[in-house]
Amino acid sequence: MERNPERQNAQRQTVLKGAIIMLKRKRTTIKELNAMEELYGSRMTPSKVFRIIGAYEIVICGCAYFLYQSLPITFMYAFAGALFVYGTVVKKDVENRYRSRGLFERNKFINFITQSMTTKGAQILPVLTKSIDKLNGEFKDDIQHLVAVLCTNSTDDEKREAFAELDEKYEKDIYFCLFLDQVQTVYWESTYHIETFREFQNSHNLILMKQKEYKRTKNVYRHWTFLTVLGSIGLIVATAFLTGVISGKGFSLDLFSTVYAHTLVGRICSTVYMFGLSFIMIRFFNCYYDDDIMEL
């Protein structure tokens, strides 16, 4: 157990402020993404970021080069696509994993406390201490800090402040906050009703299950959206080759290049298509990462 709660609290506040700044800022560095991943034991290295961006860039560059058959224009789309993927897809994925991992750890905490308090003669402080070994990541540090304050010669105001800080940090998780209020009541009054614990446990378990179902549904839509985009690109490619076959030039893109790709009309049509596709994907990802509906 940490014997210096002041020092641990300072470290904890530093990490928390960094996470809040990252969540609010539109521009985020790889170092900041990695810091958020490390809060729950993962890493976001530059090579991993480049692999994620590269997967999207293959489609963007392939489509742009086929339509325009121009390297400068392809590089322009590649640059814009990389900025979007990094600023939206990579960043939002990290943020979503951070929130999901935190919710899972809080759920483990609620289940462990509820199960432990069913034991006859159970006391809340020893149960809180034992729960630390069951937890991981940032939330483990939060509970460790709380227990350190409760176990040292802290004043009653400092102990209440420790509970209040934890409640404020996870204020969007309503059932966790209600559960934490119950834990605080048990700590001060040494009396409790196990059914109250179970009620909050069941509610939080249900929320976790519903969020998992919602994410699975979103992933299905993401899968079919990508297939639709690839299908539209494939249709254009097939049409280009079919045009060559019909004109008697075989599987050649000479006619496509001459009549479409290098003409003003073709460039305009390709630009309208690429901007339309970009608009659809931006709207899709904004909706995909909008988790307001999942707030507790």
C-alpha atoms as a PDB file:
ATOM      1  CA  MET A   1       0.000   0.000   0.000  1.00  0.00           C
ATOM      2  CA  GLU A   2       1.219   3.541  -0.797  1.00  0.00           C
ATOM      3  CA  ARG A   3       2.467   5.229   2.373  1.00  0.00           C
ATOM      4  CA  ASN A   4       2.709   8.703   0.857  1.00  0.00           C
ATOM      5  CA  PRO A   5      -0.791   9.690  -0.277  1.00  0.00           C
ATOM      6  CA  GLU A   6       0.249  13.292  -1.003  1.00  0.00           C
ATOM      7  CA  ARG A   7       2.871  12.196  -3.501  1.00  0.00           C
ATOM      8  CA  GLN A   8       0.578   9.645  -5.104  1.00  0.00           C
ATOM      9  CA  ASN A   9      -2.217  12.197  -5.327  1.00  0.00           C
ATOM     10  CA  ALA A  10       0.095  14.642  -7.123  1.00  0.00           C
ATOM     11  CA  GLN A  11       1.071  11.953  -9.655  1.00  0.00           C
ATOM     12  CA  ARG A  12      -2.548  10.971 -10.082  1.00  0.00           C
ATOM     13  CA  GLN A  13      -3.631  14.563 -10.710  1.00  0.00           C
ATOM     14  CA  THR A  14      -0.873  14.992 -13.300  1.00  0.00           C
ATOM     15  CA  VAL A  15      -2.049  11.951 -15.243  1.00  0.00           C
ATOM     16  CA  LEU A  16      -5.678  13.006 -14.979  1.00  0.00           C
ATOM     17  CA  LYS A  17      -4.985  16.555 -16.202  1.00  0.00           C
ATOM     18  CA  GLY A  18      -3.042  15.151 -19.144  1.00  0.00           C
ATOM     19  CA  ALA A  19      -5.915  12.872 -20.082  1.00  0.00           C
ATOM     20  CA  ILE A  20      -8.467  15.701 -19.822  1.00  0.00           C
ATOM     21  CA  ILE A  21      -6.319  18.008 -21.958  1.00  0.00           C
ATOM     22  CA  MET A  22      -6.001  15.310 -24.617  1.00  0.00           C
ATOM     23  CA  LEU A  23      -9.749  14.660 -24.656  1.00  0.00           C
ATOM     24  CA  LYS A  24     -10.486  18.357 -25.185  1.00  0.00           C
ATOM     25  CA  ARG A  25      -7.771  19.213 -27.684  1.00  0.00           C
ATOM     26  CA  LYS A  26      -8.292  18.675 -31.401  1.00  0.00           C
ATOM     27  CA  ARG A  27      -4.566  18.254 -32.076  1.00  0.00           C
ATOM     28  CA  THR A  28      -2.933  15.371 -30.253  1.00  0.00           C
ATOM     29  CA  THR A  29       0.609  14.055 -30.406  1.00  0.00           C
ATOM     30  CA  ILE A  30       1.583  10.400 -30.577  1.00  0.00           C
ATOM     31  CA  LYS A  31       3.214  10.830 -27.174  1.00  0.00           C
ATOM     32  CA  GLU A  32      -0.126  11.909 -25.692  1.00  0.00           C
ATOM     33  CA  LEU A  33      -1.930   9.005 -27.346  1.00  0.00           C
ATOM     34  CA  ASN A  34       0.624   6.605 -25.918  1.00  0.00           C
ATOM     35  CA  ALA A  35       0.258   8.177 -22.461  1.00  0.00           C
ATOM     36  CA  MET A  36      -3.486   7.514 -22.523  1.00  0.00           C
ATOM     37  CA  GLU A  37      -2.973   3.939 -23.745  1.00  0.00           C
ATOM     38  CA  GLU A  38      -0.437   3.286 -20.990  1.00  0.00           C
ATOM     39  CA  LEU A  39      -3.003   4.195 -18.323  1.00  0.00           C
ATOM     40  CA  TYR A  40      -4.425   0.705 -18.878  1.00  0.00           C
ATOM     41  CA  GLY A  41      -1.317  -1.190 -19.898  1.00  0.00           C
ATOM     42  CA  SER A  42      -1.229  -0.746 -23.694  1.00  0.00           C
ATOM     43  CA  ARG A  43       1.049   1.240 -25.993  1.00  0.00           C
ATOM     44  CA  MET A  44       0.487   3.434 -29.031  1.00  0.00           C
ATOM     45  CA  THR A  45       3.850   3.596 -30.783  1.00  0.00           C
ATOM     46  CA  PRO A  46       4.590   5.599 -33.951  1.00  0.00           C
ATOM     47  CA  SER A  47       4.901   2.357 -35.939  1.00  0.00           C
ATOM     48  CA  LYS A  48       1.435   1.270 -34.778  1.00  0.00           C
ATOM     49  CA  VAL A  49      -0.024   4.647 -35.761  1.00  0.00           C
ATOM     50  CA  PHE A  50       1.619   4.445 -39.193  1.00  0.00           C
ATOM     51  CA  ARG A  51       0.230   0.932 -39.733  1.00  0.00           C
ATOM     52  CA  ILE A  52      -3.305   2.137 -38.969  1.00  0.00           C
ATOM     53  CA  ILE A  53      -2.958   5.159 -41.250  1.00  0.00           C
ATOM     54  CA  GLY A  54      -1.299   3.039 -43.933  1.00  0.00           C
ATOM     55  CA  ALA A  55      -4.290   0.710 -44.181  1.00  0.00           C
ATOM     56  CA  TYR A  56      -6.550   3.655 -45.018  1.00  0.00           C
ATOM     57  CA  GLU A  57      -3.947   5.323 -47.246  1.00  0.00           C
ATOM     58  CA  ILE A  58      -3.798   2.282 -49.541  1.00  0.00           C
ATOM     59  CA  VAL A  59      -7.474   2.753 -50.403  1.00  0.00           C
ATOM     60  CA  ILE A  60      -7.281   6.556 -50.624  1.00  0.00           C
ATOM     61  CA  CYS A  61      -4.162   6.621 -52.791  1.00  0.00           C
ATOM     62  CA  GLY A  62      -5.290   3.729 -54.971  1.00  0.00           C
ATOM     63  CA  CYS A  63      -8.634   5.365 -55.674  1.00  0.00           C
ATOM     64  CA  ALA A  64      -7.157   8.843 -56.264  1.00  0.00           C
ATOM     65  CA  TYR A  65      -4.422   7.627 -58.592  1.00  0.00           C
ATOM     66  CA  PHE A  66      -6.812   5.489 -60.607  1.00  0.00           C
ATOM     67  CA  LEU A  67      -9.266   8.359 -61.115  1.00  0.00           C
ATOM     68  CA  TYR A  68      -6.759  11.145 -61.788  1.00  0.00           C
ATOM     69  CA  GLN A  69      -3.673   9.203 -62.875  1.00  0.00           C
ATOM     70  CA  SER A  70      -1.601  12.034 -61.423  1.00  0.00           C
ATOM     71  CA  LEU A  71       0.959  11.670 -58.634  1.00  0.00           C
ATOM     72  CA  PRO A  72       0.727  15.293 -57.374  1.00  0.00           C
ATOM     73  CA  ILE A  73      -3.052  15.030 -56.985  1.00  0.00           C
ATOM     74  CA  THR A  74      -2.684  11.607 -55.359  1.00  0.00           C
ATOM     75  CA  PHE A  75      -0.212  13.043 -52.828  1.00  0.00           C
ATOM     76  CA  MET A  76      -2.671  15.826 -51.997  1.00  0.00           C
ATOM     77  CA  TYR A  77      -5.401  13.303 -51.210  1.00  0.00           C
ATOM     78  CA  ALA A  78      -2.911  11.151 -49.292  1.00  0.00           C
ATOM     79  CA  PHE A  79      -1.905  14.081 -47.091  1.00  0.00           C
ATOM     80  CA  ALA A  80      -5.508  15.118 -46.392  1.00  0.00           C
ATOM     81  CA  GLY A  81      -6.490  11.506 -45.723  1.00  0.00           C
ATOM     82  CA  ALA A  82      -3.600  10.961 -43.310  1.00  0.00           C
ATOM     83  CA  LEU A  83      -4.577  14.061 -41.320  1.00  0.00           C
ATOM     84  CA  PHE A  84      -8.181  12.893 -41.082  1.00  0.00           C
ATOM     85  CA  VAL A  85      -7.331   9.315 -40.107  1.00  0.00           C
ATOM     86  CA  TYR A  86      -4.856  10.448 -37.463  1.00  0.00           C
ATOM     87  CA  GLY A  87      -7.033  13.230 -36.054  1.00  0.00           C
ATOM     88  CA  THR A  88     -10.287  11.279 -36.051  1.00  0.00           C
ATOM     89  CA  VAL A  89      -9.902   7.513 -36.362  1.00  0.00           C
ATOM     90  CA  VAL A  90      -6.690   6.936 -34.382  1.00  0.00           C
ATOM     91  CA  LYS A  91      -7.425   9.515 -31.685  1.00  0.00           C
ATOM     92  CA  LYS A  92     -11.064   8.495 -31.197  1.00  0.00           C
ATOM     93  CA  ASP A  93     -10.137   4.805 -31.086  1.00  0.00           C
ATOM     94  CA  VAL A  94      -7.682   5.508 -28.262  1.00  0.00           C
ATOM     95  CA  GLU A  95     -10.226   7.613 -26.375  1.00  0.00           C
ATOM     96  CA  ASN A  96     -12.939   4.955 -26.758  1.00  0.00           C
ATOM     97  CA  ARG A  97     -10.628   2.204 -25.530  1.00  0.00           C
ATOM     98  CA  TYR A  98      -9.677   4.370 -22.559  1.00  0.00           C
ATOM     99  CA  ARG A  99     -13.321   4.889 -21.587  1.00  0.00           C
ATOM    100  CA  SER A 100     -14.249   1.238 -22.179  1.00  0.00           C
ATOM    101  CA  ARG A 101     -11.377  -0.051 -20.074  1.00  0.00           C
ATOM    102  CA  GLY A 102     -12.245   2.348 -17.275  1.00  0.00           C
ATOM    103  CA  LEU A 103     -15.889   1.255 -17.328  1.00  0.00           C
ATOM    104  CA  PHE A 104     -14.857  -2.411 -17.238  1.00  0.00           C
ATOM    105  CA  GLU A 105     -12.593  -1.827 -14.222  1.00  0.00           C
ATOM    106  CA  ARG A 106     -15.320   0.051 -12.365  1.00  0.00           C
ATOM    107  CA  ASN A 107     -17.688  -2.802 -13.082  1.00  0.00           C
ATOM    108  CA  LYS A 108     -15.190  -5.288 -11.657  1.00  0.00           C
ATOM    109  CA  PHE A 109     -14.876  -3.096  -8.570  1.00  0.00           C
ATOM    110  CA  ILE A 110     -18.643  -2.972  -8.042  1.00  0.00           C
ATOM    111  CA  ASN A 111     -19.016  -6.742  -8.482  1.00  0.00           C
ATOM    112  CA  PHE A 112     -16.130  -7.519  -6.128  1.00  0.00           C
ATOM    113  CA  ILE A 113     -17.318  -5.155  -3.392  1.00  0.00           C
ATOM    114  CA  THR A 114     -20.891  -6.453  -3.605  1.00  0.00           C
ATOM    115  CA  GLN A 115     -19.808 -10.087  -3.496  1.00  0.00           C
ATOM    116  CA  SER A 116     -17.411  -9.460  -0.610  1.00  0.00           C
ATOM    117  CA  MET A 117     -19.974  -7.563   1.454  1.00  0.00           C
ATOM    118  CA  THR A 118     -22.336 -10.553   1.409  1.00  0.00           C
ATOM    119  CA  THR A 119     -19.926 -12.287   3.781  1.00  0.00           C
ATOM    120  CA  LYS A 120     -21.083 -12.148   7.387  1.00  0.00           C
ATOM    121  CA  GLY A 121     -19.162  -9.566   9.398  1.00  0.00           C
ATOM    122  CA  ALA A 122     -17.551  -7.998   6.335  1.00  0.00           C
ATOM    123  CA  GLN A 123     -16.074  -4.529   6.837  1.00  0.00           C
ATOM    124  CA  ILE A 124     -15.759  -2.038   4.048  1.00  0.00           C
ATOM    125  CA  LEU A 125     -12.145  -0.909   4.542  1.00  0.00           C
ATOM    126  CA  PRO A 126     -10.569  -4.410   4.377  1.00  0.00           C
ATOM    127  CA  VAL A 127     -12.782  -5.161   1.371  1.00  0.00           C
ATOM    128  CA  LEU A 128     -11.620  -1.981  -0.365  1.00  0.00           C
ATOM    129  CA  THR A 129      -8.023  -2.951   0.347  1.00  0.00           C
ATOM    130  CA  LYS A 130      -8.494  -6.420  -1.145  1.00  0.00           C
ATOM    131  CA  SER A 131     -10.178  -4.979  -4.239  1.00  0.00           C
ATOM    132  CA  ILE A 132      -6.935  -3.269  -5.275  1.00  0.00           C
ATOM    133  CA  ASP A 133      -5.394  -6.597  -6.316  1.00  0.00           C
ATOM    134  CA  LYS A 134      -8.391  -7.281  -8.574  1.00  0.00           C
ATOM    135  CA  LEU A 135      -8.075  -4.039 -10.521  1.00  0.00           C
ATOM    136  CA  ASN A 136      -5.809  -2.721 -13.259  1.00  0.00           C
ATOM    137  CA  GLY A 137      -4.617   0.527 -14.735  1.00  0.00           C
ATOM    138  CA  GLU A 138      -5.616   4.035 -13.788  1.00  0.00           C
ATOM    139  CA  PHE A 139      -8.685   3.014 -11.793  1.00  0.00           C
ATOM    140  CA  LYS A 140      -6.515   0.780  -9.622  1.00  0.00           C
ATOM    141  CA  ASP A 141      -4.392   3.814  -8.797  1.00  0.00           C
ATOM    142  CA  ASP A 142      -7.548   5.755  -7.930  1.00  0.00           C
ATOM    143  CA  ILE A 143      -8.751   3.125  -5.471  1.00  0.00           C
ATOM    144  CA  GLN A 144      -5.252   2.711  -4.089  1.00  0.00           C
ATOM    145  CA  HIS A 145      -5.140   6.438  -3.393  1.00  0.00           C
ATOM    146  CA  LEU A 146      -8.551   6.314  -1.703  1.00  0.00           C
ATOM    147  CA  VAL A 147      -7.523   3.406   0.523  1.00  0.00           C
ATOM    148  CA  ALA A 148      -4.226   5.117   1.373  1.00  0.00           C
ATOM    149  CA  VAL A 149      -6.118   8.190   2.579  1.00  0.00           C
ATOM    150  CA  LEU A 150      -8.572   6.099   4.588  1.00  0.00           C
ATOM    151  CA  CYS A 151      -5.817   4.029   6.226  1.00  0.00           C
ATOM    152  CA  THR A 152      -3.540   6.892   7.252  1.00  0.00           C
ATOM    153  CA  ASN A 153      -3.976   9.601   9.859  1.00  0.00           C
ATOM    154  CA  SER A 154      -5.939  11.770   7.456  1.00  0.00           C
ATOM    155  CA  THR A 155      -8.608  14.061   8.811  1.00  0.00           C
ATOM    156  CA  ASP A 156     -12.291  13.420   8.187  1.00  0.00           C
ATOM    157  CA  ASP A 157     -12.360  16.305   5.706  1.00  0.00           C
ATOM    158  CA  GLU A 158      -9.459  14.785   3.755  1.00  0.00           C
ATOM    159  CA  LYS A 159     -11.237  11.444   3.633  1.00  0.00           C
ATOM    160  CA  ARG A 160     -14.450  13.042   2.412  1.00  0.00           C
ATOM    161  CA  GLU A 161     -12.427  14.962  -0.171  1.00  0.00           C
ATOM    162  CA  ALA A 162     -10.879  11.702  -1.424  1.00  0.00           C
ATOM    163  CA  PHE A 163     -14.357  10.257  -1.959  1.00  0.00           C
ATOM    164  CA  ALA A 164     -15.492  13.483  -3.603  1.00  0.00           C
ATOM    165  CA  GLU A 165     -12.540  13.516  -6.026  1.00  0.00           C
ATOM    166  CA  LEU A 166     -13.307   9.969  -7.154  1.00  0.00           C
ATOM    167  CA  ASP A 167     -16.985  10.813  -7.529  1.00  0.00           C
ATOM    168  CA  GLU A 168     -16.205  13.923  -9.577  1.00  0.00           C
ATOM    169  CA  LYS A 169     -13.772  12.115 -11.860  1.00  0.00           C
ATOM    170  CA  TYR A 170     -16.352   9.495 -12.850  1.00  0.00           C
ATOM    171  CA  GLU A 171     -19.448  11.683 -12.586  1.00  0.00           C
ATOM    172  CA  LYS A 172     -20.758  10.488 -15.961  1.00  0.00           C
ATOM    173  CA  ASP A 173     -20.979   6.930 -14.610  1.00  0.00           C
ATOM    174  CA  ILE A 174     -24.094   7.556 -12.539  1.00  0.00           C
ATOM    175  CA  TYR A 175     -24.483   4.059 -11.120  1.00  0.00           C
ATOM    176  CA  PHE A 176     -20.843   3.946 -10.065  1.00  0.00           C
ATOM    177  CA  CYS A 177     -21.236   7.284  -8.284  1.00  0.00           C
ATOM    178  CA  LEU A 178     -24.354   6.037  -6.495  1.00  0.00           C
ATOM    179  CA  PHE A 179     -22.489   2.891  -5.532  1.00  0.00           C
ATOM    180  CA  LEU A 180     -19.553   4.964  -4.270  1.00  0.00           C
ATOM    181  CA  ASP A 181     -21.929   7.048  -2.160  1.00  0.00           C
ATOM    182  CA  GLN A 182     -23.188   3.827  -0.610  1.00  0.00           C
ATOM    183  CA  VAL A 183     -19.602   2.709   0.098  1.00  0.00           C
ATOM    184  CA  GLN A 184     -18.915   6.056   1.768  1.00  0.00           C
ATOM    185  CA  THR A 185     -22.063   5.733   3.867  1.00  0.00           C
ATOM    186  CA  VAL A 186     -21.002   2.256   5.003  1.00  0.00           C
ATOM    187  CA  TYR A 187     -17.532   3.572   5.872  1.00  0.00           C
ATOM    188  CA  TRP A 188     -18.893   6.333   8.105  1.00  0.00           C
ATOM    189  CA  GLU A 189     -21.899   4.538   9.600  1.00  0.00           C
ATOM    190  CA  SER A 190     -20.725   0.878   9.530  1.00  0.00           C
ATOM    191  CA  THR A 191     -24.213  -0.277   8.526  1.00  0.00           C
ATOM    192  CA  TYR A 192     -25.522  -1.309   5.134  1.00  0.00           C
ATOM    193  CA  HIS A 193     -28.223  -3.201   3.247  1.00  0.00           C
ATOM    194  CA  ILE A 194     -26.776  -5.755   0.839  1.00  0.00           C
ATOM    195  CA  GLU A 195     -29.808  -5.407  -1.428  1.00  0.00           C
ATOM    196  CA  THR A 196     -28.827  -1.806  -2.110  1.00  0.00           C
ATOM    197  CA  PHE A 197     -25.405  -2.976  -3.257  1.00  0.00           C
ATOM    198  CA  ARG A 198     -26.986  -5.631  -5.466  1.00  0.00           C
ATOM    199  CA  GLU A 199     -29.378  -3.130  -7.020  1.00  0.00           C
ATOM    200  CA  PHE A 200     -26.504  -0.907  -8.151  1.00  0.00           C
ATOM    201  CA  GLN A 201     -24.511  -3.972  -9.226  1.00  0.00           C
ATOM    202  CA  ASN A 202     -27.331  -5.235 -11.447  1.00  0.00           C
ATOM    203  CA  SER A 203     -27.865  -1.791 -12.963  1.00  0.00           C
ATOM    204  CA  HIS A 204     -24.181  -1.350 -13.761  1.00  0.00           C
ATOM    205  CA  ASN A 205     -23.917  -4.874 -15.206  1.00  0.00           C
ATOM    206  CA  LEU A 206     -26.904  -4.132 -17.443  1.00  0.00           C
ATOM    207  CA  ILE A 207     -25.360  -0.871 -18.670  1.00  0.00           C
ATOM    208  CA  LEU A 208     -22.090  -2.650 -19.487  1.00  0.00           C
ATOM    209  CA  MET A 209     -23.942  -5.356 -21.402  1.00  0.00           C
ATOM    210  CA  LYS A 210     -25.979  -2.802 -23.381  1.00  0.00           C
ATOM    211  CA  GLN A 211     -22.850  -0.851 -24.286  1.00  0.00           C
ATOM    212  CA  LYS A 212     -21.191  -3.998 -25.586  1.00  0.00           C
ATOM    213  CA  GLU A 213     -24.248  -4.769 -27.707  1.00  0.00           C
ATOM    214  CA  TYR A 214     -24.290  -1.206 -29.031  1.00  0.00           C
ATOM    215  CA  LYS A 215     -20.608  -1.398 -29.991  1.00  0.00           C
ATOM    216  CA  ARG A 216     -21.146  -4.699 -31.790  1.00  0.00           C
ATOM    217  CA  THR A 217     -23.978  -3.099 -33.769  1.00  0.00           C
ATOM    218  CA  LYS A 218     -21.765  -0.130 -34.667  1.00  0.00           C
ATOM    219  CA  ASN A 219     -18.994  -2.447 -35.837  1.00  0.00           C
ATOM    220  CA  VAL A 220     -21.428  -4.248 -38.143  1.00  0.00           C
ATOM    221  CA  TYR A 221     -22.392  -0.923 -39.727  1.00  0.00           C
ATOM    222  CA  ARG A 222     -18.711   0.010 -40.022  1.00  0.00           C
ATOM    223  CA  HIS A 223     -17.998  -3.263 -41.795  1.00  0.00           C
ATOM    224  CA  TRP A 224     -20.811  -2.799 -44.303  1.00  0.00           C
ATOM    225  CA  THR A 225     -19.925   0.865 -44.866  1.00  0.00           C
ATOM    226  CA  PHE A 226     -16.381  -0.090 -45.828  1.00  0.00           C
ATOM    227  CA  LEU A 227     -17.660  -2.830 -48.119  1.00  0.00           C
ATOM    228  CA  THR A 228     -20.008  -0.320 -49.792  1.00  0.00           C
ATOM    229  CA  VAL A 229     -17.147   2.131 -50.370  1.00  0.00           C
ATOM    230  CA  LEU A 230     -14.889  -0.586 -51.760  1.00  0.00           C
ATOM    231  CA  GLY A 231     -17.775  -1.788 -53.921  1.00  0.00           C
ATOM    232  CA  SER A 232     -18.277   1.665 -55.435  1.00  0.00           C
ATOM    233  CA  ILE A 233     -14.555   1.909 -56.193  1.00  0.00           C
ATOM    234  CA  GLY A 234     -14.582  -1.586 -57.656  1.00  0.00           C
ATOM    235  CA  LEU A 235     -17.528  -0.649 -59.875  1.00  0.00           C
ATOM    236  CA  ILE A 236     -15.585   2.310 -61.285  1.00  0.00           C
ATOM    237  CA  VAL A 237     -12.536   0.133 -61.944  1.00  0.00           C
ATOM    238  CA  ALA A 238     -14.662  -2.536 -63.620  1.00  0.00           C
ATOM    239  CA  THR A 239     -16.367   0.092 -65.789  1.00  0.00           C
ATOM    240  CA  ALA A 240     -12.995   1.474 -66.883  1.00  0.00           C
ATOM    241  CA  PHE A 241     -11.726  -1.941 -67.953  1.00  0.00           C
ATOM    242  CA  LEU A 242     -15.047  -2.825 -69.564  1.00  0.00           C
ATOM    243  CA  THR A 243     -14.839   0.352 -71.649  1.00  0.00           C
ATOM    244  CA  GLY A 244     -11.510  -0.841 -73.038  1.00  0.00           C
ATOM    245  CA  VAL A 245     -12.921  -4.264 -73.846  1.00  0.00           C
ATOM    246  CA  ILE A 246     -15.969  -2.818 -75.641  1.00  0.00           C
ATOM    247  CA  SER A 247     -13.811  -0.469 -77.712  1.00  0.00           C
ATOM    248  CA  GLY A 248     -11.679  -3.396 -78.833  1.00  0.00           C
ATOM    249  CA  LYS A 249      -8.547  -2.427 -76.885  1.00  0.00           C
ATOM    250  CA  GLY A 250      -8.813  -5.342 -74.453  1.00  0.00           C
ATOM    251  CA  PHE A 251      -8.114  -4.929 -70.746  1.00  0.00           C
ATOM    252  CA  SER A 252      -6.418  -1.602 -71.254  1.00  0.00           C
ATOM    253  CA  LEU A 253      -6.891   1.748 -69.527  1.00  0.00           C
ATOM    254  CA  ASP A 254      -5.685   3.772 -72.505  1.00  0.00           C
ATOM    255  CA  LEU A 255      -9.193   4.822 -73.485  1.00  0.00           C
ATOM    256  CA  PHE A 256     -10.131   5.582 -69.857  1.00  0.00           C
ATOM    257  CA  SER A 257      -7.017   7.750 -69.485  1.00  0.00           C
ATOM    258  CA  THR A 258      -7.549   9.625 -72.723  1.00  0.00           C
ATOM    259  CA  VAL A 259     -11.298  10.155 -72.605  1.00  0.00           C
ATOM    260  CA  TYR A 260     -11.805  10.555 -68.842  1.00  0.00           C
ATOM    261  CA  ALA A 261      -8.831  10.704 -66.435  1.00  0.00           C
ATOM    262  CA  HIS A 262      -6.847  13.420 -68.234  1.00  0.00           C
ATOM    263  CA  THR A 263      -9.795  15.562 -69.355  1.00  0.00           C
ATOM    264  CA  LEU A 264     -11.350  18.533 -67.554  1.00  0.00           C
ATOM    265  CA  VAL A 265     -14.751  16.875 -67.370  1.00  0.00           C
ATOM    266  CA  GLY A 266     -13.190  13.720 -65.960  1.00  0.00           C
ATOM    267  CA  ARG A 267     -11.240  15.681 -63.330  1.00  0.00           C
ATOM    268  CA  ILE A 268     -14.388  17.529 -62.275  1.00  0.00           C
ATOM    269  CA  CYS A 269     -16.400  14.294 -62.026  1.00  0.00           C
ATOM    270  CA  SER A 270     -13.609  12.589 -60.075  1.00  0.00           C
ATOM    271  CA  THR A 271     -13.366  15.539 -57.694  1.00  0.00           C
ATOM    272  CA  VAL A 272     -17.116  15.492 -57.086  1.00  0.00           C
ATOM    273  CA  TYR A 273     -16.922  11.748 -56.414  1.00  0.00           C
ATOM    274  CA  MET A 274     -13.939  12.037 -54.033  1.00  0.00           C
ATOM    275  CA  PHE A 275     -15.482  14.958 -52.135  1.00  0.00           C
ATOM    276  CA  GLY A 276     -18.806  13.143 -51.907  1.00  0.00           C
ATOM    277  CA  LEU A 277     -17.067  10.017 -50.642  1.00  0.00           C
ATOM    278  CA  SER A 278     -15.095  12.104 -48.137  1.00  0.00           C
ATOM    279  CA  PHE A 279     -18.270  13.770 -46.887  1.00  0.00           C
ATOM    280  CA  ILE A 280     -19.943  10.389 -46.372  1.00  0.00           C
ATOM    281  CA  MET A 281     -16.948   8.969 -44.480  1.00  0.00           C
ATOM    282  CA  ILE A 282     -16.577  12.066 -42.283  1.00  0.00           C
ATOM    283  CA  ARG A 283     -20.260  11.927 -41.385  1.00  0.00           C
ATOM    284  CA  PHE A 284     -20.031   8.207 -40.740  1.00  0.00           C
ATOM    285  CA  PHE A 285     -17.041   8.439 -38.412  1.00  0.00           C
ATOM    286  CA  ASN A 286     -18.534  11.406 -36.545  1.00  0.00           C
ATOM    287  CA  CYS A 287     -21.634   9.301 -35.880  1.00  0.00           C
ATOM    288  CA  TYR A 288     -19.607   6.159 -35.189  1.00  0.00           C
ATOM    289  CA  TYR A 289     -17.565   7.836 -32.456  1.00  0.00           C
ATOM    290  CA  ASP A 290     -20.464   9.812 -31.006  1.00  0.00           C
ATOM    291  CA  ASP A 291     -21.086   7.905 -27.788  1.00  0.00           C
ATOM    292  CA  ASP A 292     -23.372  10.432 -26.094  1.00  0.00           C
ATOM    293  CA  ILE A 293     -26.135   7.840 -26.296  1.00  0.00           C
ATOM    294  CA  MET A 294     -24.026   5.567 -24.096  1.00  0.00           C
ATOM    295  CA  GLU A 295     -23.551   8.073 -21.285  1.00  0.00           C
ATOM    296  CA  LEU A 296     -24.782   6.584 -18.023  1.00  0.00           C
END
